[in-house]
Amino acid sequence: MLGRYQNGDTLVEVLFAITVFSLVVVGSLVIMNQGVAAAQRSIEISSVRHQIDAQAETLRFMHDSYSAARQAGTTFNLSDGVTSPAEEWQRMISSGSMVNSATAFNTNDASARRCQAIPSAGFVVDPVNVRFINSGSILTQSQTYSQLVYSGSVLSAARGIWIEAVRSAPVANNTGYIDFHIRACWDTVGMNVPMRIGTIVRLYDQR
């Protein structure tokens, strides 16, 4: 029971206290959500980097296998149904996926901003089976983050990850090179523009 000179908090004081408490709670939640989003993006980037590195290492392995086979005088039959890493390299460099220039990675085109603009000459390599895959139905938009998707041991989809191969003009001794632009694009949490990362692998090619 309040004494004669004791007063309770006024309504204004109570509302002010609730307001301050609400601001503290909301601010804490915002900071927490930003931290969770940053952690999620970090995990996605690490996972996609692993996918990109696997593409690069498979390309190098195919190239080295082809160089060794060619030095040994091996010939390739691309229509006998039997393949090897060296033969997959020959299949790749003989395909229409070798172009003179790569498409711009950053563009103002609305579809590209949403990670939907995968070029017609784009392809991937299958690191598990060491295969060159240029089927347009496999290259699709990412649903979570850029990744290769397998059904058992068979590559069924390349979501938001692809390669563009830019072939140089022949130089001395009929030798040139191919720049492989390995690219990944996906929508991520906490950002209103897609995440885009990539690398370029240059491999020399005896014509």
Protein backbone atom coordinates (compact mmCIF):
# COMPACT_ATOMS: atom_id res chain seq x y z
CA MET A 1 0.00 0.00 0.00
CA LEU A 2 1.40 3.37 -1.02
CA GLY A 3 2.12 5.89 1.64
CA ARG A 4 0.95 9.46 1.50
CA TYR A 5 4.06 10.71 -0.27
CA GLN A 6 4.71 7.60 -2.42
CA ASN A 7 3.65 7.65 -6.07
CA GLY A 8 3.62 4.90 -8.72
CA ASP A 9 5.07 5.24 -12.20
CA THR A 10 3.06 7.38 -14.50
CA LEU A 11 1.69 6.04 -17.77
CA VAL A 12 4.25 8.09 -19.69
CA GLU A 13 7.11 6.55 -17.74
CA VAL A 14 5.79 3.02 -18.32
CA LEU A 15 5.39 3.65 -22.06
CA PHE A 16 8.90 5.11 -22.24
CA ALA A 17 10.36 2.06 -20.50
CA ILE A 18 8.50 -0.30 -22.86
CA THR A 19 9.71 1.69 -25.86
CA VAL A 20 13.34 1.55 -24.75
CA PHE A 21 13.06 -2.19 -24.05
CA SER A 22 11.48 -2.79 -27.48
CA LEU A 23 14.24 -0.87 -29.25
CA VAL A 24 16.89 -2.93 -27.47
CA VAL A 25 15.16 -6.20 -28.37
CA VAL A 26 14.58 -5.23 -32.01
CA GLY A 27 18.16 -3.99 -32.37
CA SER A 28 19.47 -7.25 -30.90
CA LEU A 29 17.34 -9.30 -33.31
CA VAL A 30 18.51 -7.27 -36.30
CA ILE A 31 22.17 -7.75 -35.34
CA MET A 32 21.55 -11.46 -34.74
CA ASN A 33 19.86 -11.88 -38.13
CA GLN A 34 22.71 -10.05 -39.87
CA GLY A 35 25.20 -12.35 -38.17
CA VAL A 36 23.27 -15.46 -39.20
CA ALA A 37 23.00 -14.18 -42.80
CA ALA A 38 26.74 -13.43 -42.93
CA ALA A 39 27.52 -16.91 -41.60
CA GLN A 40 25.19 -18.46 -44.19
CA ARG A 41 26.85 -16.51 -47.01
CA SER A 42 30.28 -17.58 -45.78
CA ILE A 43 29.25 -21.24 -45.84
CA GLU A 44 27.77 -20.87 -49.33
CA ILE A 45 30.90 -19.15 -50.68
CA SER A 46 33.14 -21.88 -49.22
CA SER A 47 30.95 -24.59 -50.77
CA VAL A 48 30.87 -22.88 -54.17
CA ARG A 49 34.63 -22.29 -54.10
CA HIS A 50 35.03 -26.04 -53.59
CA GLN A 51 32.84 -26.66 -56.66
CA ILE A 52 34.87 -24.17 -58.74
CA ASP A 53 38.16 -25.72 -57.61
CA ALA A 54 36.86 -29.17 -58.61
CA GLN A 55 36.05 -27.85 -62.10
CA ALA A 56 39.53 -26.33 -62.43
CA GLU A 57 41.35 -29.46 -61.25
CA THR A 58 39.32 -31.69 -63.58
CA LEU A 59 40.16 -29.45 -66.54
CA ARG A 60 43.86 -29.61 -65.68
CA PHE A 61 43.71 -33.40 -65.31
CA MET A 62 41.98 -33.81 -68.67
CA HIS A 63 44.52 -31.48 -70.31
CA ASP A 64 47.53 -33.30 -68.80
CA SER A 65 46.10 -36.69 -69.80
CA TYR A 66 45.60 -35.46 -73.36
CA SER A 67 49.14 -34.07 -73.55
CA ALA A 68 50.63 -37.34 -72.30
CA ALA A 69 48.51 -39.43 -74.70
CA ARG A 70 49.39 -37.22 -77.63
CA GLN A 71 53.11 -37.47 -76.88
CA ALA A 72 52.71 -41.25 -76.82
CA GLY A 73 51.14 -41.15 -80.29
CA THR A 74 47.66 -42.17 -79.12
CA THR A 75 44.77 -41.54 -81.50
CA PHE A 76 41.19 -40.98 -80.39
CA ASN A 77 37.94 -42.42 -81.67
CA LEU A 78 35.16 -40.16 -80.39
CA SER A 79 32.37 -42.38 -81.72
CA ASP A 80 33.23 -45.82 -80.33
CA GLY A 81 31.43 -45.29 -77.00
CA VAL A 82 34.67 -45.74 -75.04
CA THR A 83 36.18 -42.69 -73.40
CA SER A 84 39.03 -41.51 -71.20
CA PRO A 85 40.09 -38.18 -69.66
CA ALA A 86 42.30 -37.50 -72.69
CA GLU A 87 39.47 -38.32 -75.08
CA GLU A 88 37.08 -36.09 -73.13
CA TRP A 89 39.54 -33.21 -73.61
CA GLN A 90 39.61 -33.92 -77.34
CA ARG A 91 35.81 -34.02 -77.38
CA MET A 92 35.65 -30.69 -75.54
CA ILE A 93 38.11 -28.77 -77.71
CA SER A 94 36.43 -30.13 -80.84
CA SER A 95 32.98 -28.94 -79.76
CA GLY A 96 31.20 -25.67 -80.44
CA SER A 97 31.79 -24.59 -76.85
CA MET A 98 35.11 -22.99 -77.83
CA VAL A 99 34.30 -19.31 -78.48
CA ASN A 100 36.25 -16.14 -79.25
CA SER A 101 35.05 -14.10 -76.28
CA ALA A 102 33.24 -14.65 -73.01
CA THR A 103 29.98 -12.95 -72.13
CA ALA A 104 30.19 -10.14 -69.61
CA PHE A 105 29.89 -11.55 -66.09
CA ASN A 106 28.33 -8.38 -64.70
CA THR A 107 25.49 -7.01 -66.76
CA ASN A 108 22.45 -4.79 -66.33
CA ASP A 109 20.22 -7.33 -68.02
CA ALA A 110 17.41 -8.23 -65.61
CA SER A 111 17.61 -11.98 -66.27
CA ALA A 112 21.36 -12.00 -65.62
CA ARG A 113 20.86 -10.21 -62.33
CA ARG A 114 18.68 -13.11 -61.27
CA CYS A 115 21.32 -15.67 -62.34
CA GLN A 116 19.29 -16.93 -65.30
CA ALA A 117 21.53 -15.87 -68.20
CA ILE A 118 23.69 -18.95 -68.79
CA PRO A 119 25.29 -18.67 -72.25
CA SER A 120 24.43 -21.21 -74.94
CA ALA A 121 28.10 -22.19 -75.24
CA GLY A 122 28.36 -22.83 -71.50
CA PHE A 123 29.28 -26.29 -70.20
CA VAL A 124 30.63 -28.10 -67.16
CA VAL A 125 32.97 -30.98 -66.51
CA ASP A 126 31.99 -33.88 -64.28
CA PRO A 127 34.70 -34.25 -61.59
CA VAL A 128 33.42 -37.65 -60.45
CA ASN A 129 33.40 -39.38 -63.84
CA VAL A 130 35.79 -36.95 -65.65
CA ARG A 131 33.40 -36.11 -68.46
CA PHE A 132 32.75 -33.09 -70.66
CA ILE A 133 29.05 -32.15 -70.33
CA ASN A 134 27.56 -29.57 -72.69
CA SER A 135 23.93 -30.61 -72.52
CA GLY A 136 21.86 -27.42 -72.23
CA SER A 137 19.25 -29.20 -70.10
CA ILE A 138 21.82 -29.78 -67.34
CA LEU A 139 22.71 -26.08 -66.94
CA THR A 140 19.99 -24.58 -64.75
CA GLN A 141 19.41 -21.69 -62.38
CA SER A 142 20.58 -22.26 -58.80
CA GLN A 143 17.91 -23.11 -56.24
CA THR A 144 20.02 -22.66 -53.11
CA TYR A 145 23.66 -22.08 -54.03
CA SER A 146 25.75 -23.04 -57.07
CA GLN A 147 26.44 -26.76 -57.13
CA LEU A 148 26.55 -29.96 -59.16
CA VAL A 149 23.72 -32.38 -58.40
CA TYR A 150 24.08 -36.15 -58.86
CA SER A 151 21.56 -38.96 -59.19
CA GLY A 152 23.65 -41.80 -57.86
CA SER A 153 26.92 -41.42 -59.78
CA VAL A 154 25.33 -39.64 -62.75
CA LEU A 155 25.53 -35.84 -63.02
CA SER A 156 21.93 -34.68 -63.37
CA ALA A 157 22.18 -30.87 -63.00
CA ALA A 158 24.67 -28.01 -62.81
CA ARG A 159 22.78 -25.35 -60.87
CA GLY A 160 24.18 -21.87 -61.20
CA ILE A 161 27.67 -22.99 -62.22
CA TRP A 162 29.12 -23.16 -65.72
CA ILE A 163 32.28 -22.73 -67.81
CA GLU A 164 32.92 -20.51 -70.81
CA ALA A 165 35.98 -21.44 -72.89
CA VAL A 166 37.67 -18.67 -74.89
CA ARG A 167 40.15 -19.94 -77.47
CA SER A 168 43.04 -17.73 -78.58
CA ALA A 169 44.28 -17.37 -82.13
CA PRO A 170 47.21 -19.72 -82.93
CA VAL A 171 50.66 -18.26 -82.27
CA ALA A 172 54.20 -19.59 -82.82
CA ASN A 173 54.49 -23.28 -83.74
CA ASN A 174 50.72 -23.41 -84.17
CA THR A 175 50.27 -23.23 -80.39
CA GLY A 176 47.54 -21.33 -78.64
CA TYR A 177 45.73 -21.36 -75.33
CA ILE A 178 42.22 -21.64 -73.95
CA ASP A 179 40.97 -19.48 -71.09
CA PHE A 180 38.34 -21.35 -69.09
CA HIS A 181 36.09 -18.87 -67.28
CA ILE A 182 34.57 -20.87 -64.42
CA ARG A 183 31.57 -18.97 -63.09
CA ALA A 184 28.99 -19.28 -60.35
CA CYS A 185 25.93 -17.16 -59.64
CA TRP A 186 23.20 -17.64 -57.05
CA ASP A 187 20.71 -15.73 -54.93
CA THR A 188 21.81 -15.54 -51.32
CA VAL A 189 20.34 -14.42 -48.02
CA GLY A 190 20.46 -10.80 -46.92
CA MET A 191 21.32 -9.40 -50.36
CA ASN A 192 19.06 -7.98 -53.06
CA VAL A 193 21.58 -8.80 -55.81
CA PRO A 194 22.98 -12.27 -56.61
CA MET A 195 26.33 -13.50 -55.36
CA ARG A 196 28.81 -13.94 -58.24
CA ILE A 197 32.23 -15.53 -57.99
CA GLY A 198 34.55 -17.14 -60.51
CA THR A 199 38.06 -17.78 -61.71
CA ILE A 200 39.98 -18.21 -64.97
CA VAL A 201 42.16 -21.20 -65.82
CA ARG A 202 44.52 -20.86 -68.82
CA LEU A 203 45.66 -24.09 -70.47
CA TYR A 204 47.87 -24.26 -73.53
CA ASP A 205 46.70 -26.11 -76.59
CA GLN A 206 48.78 -27.61 -79.42
CA ARG A 207 46.70 -27.14 -82.60
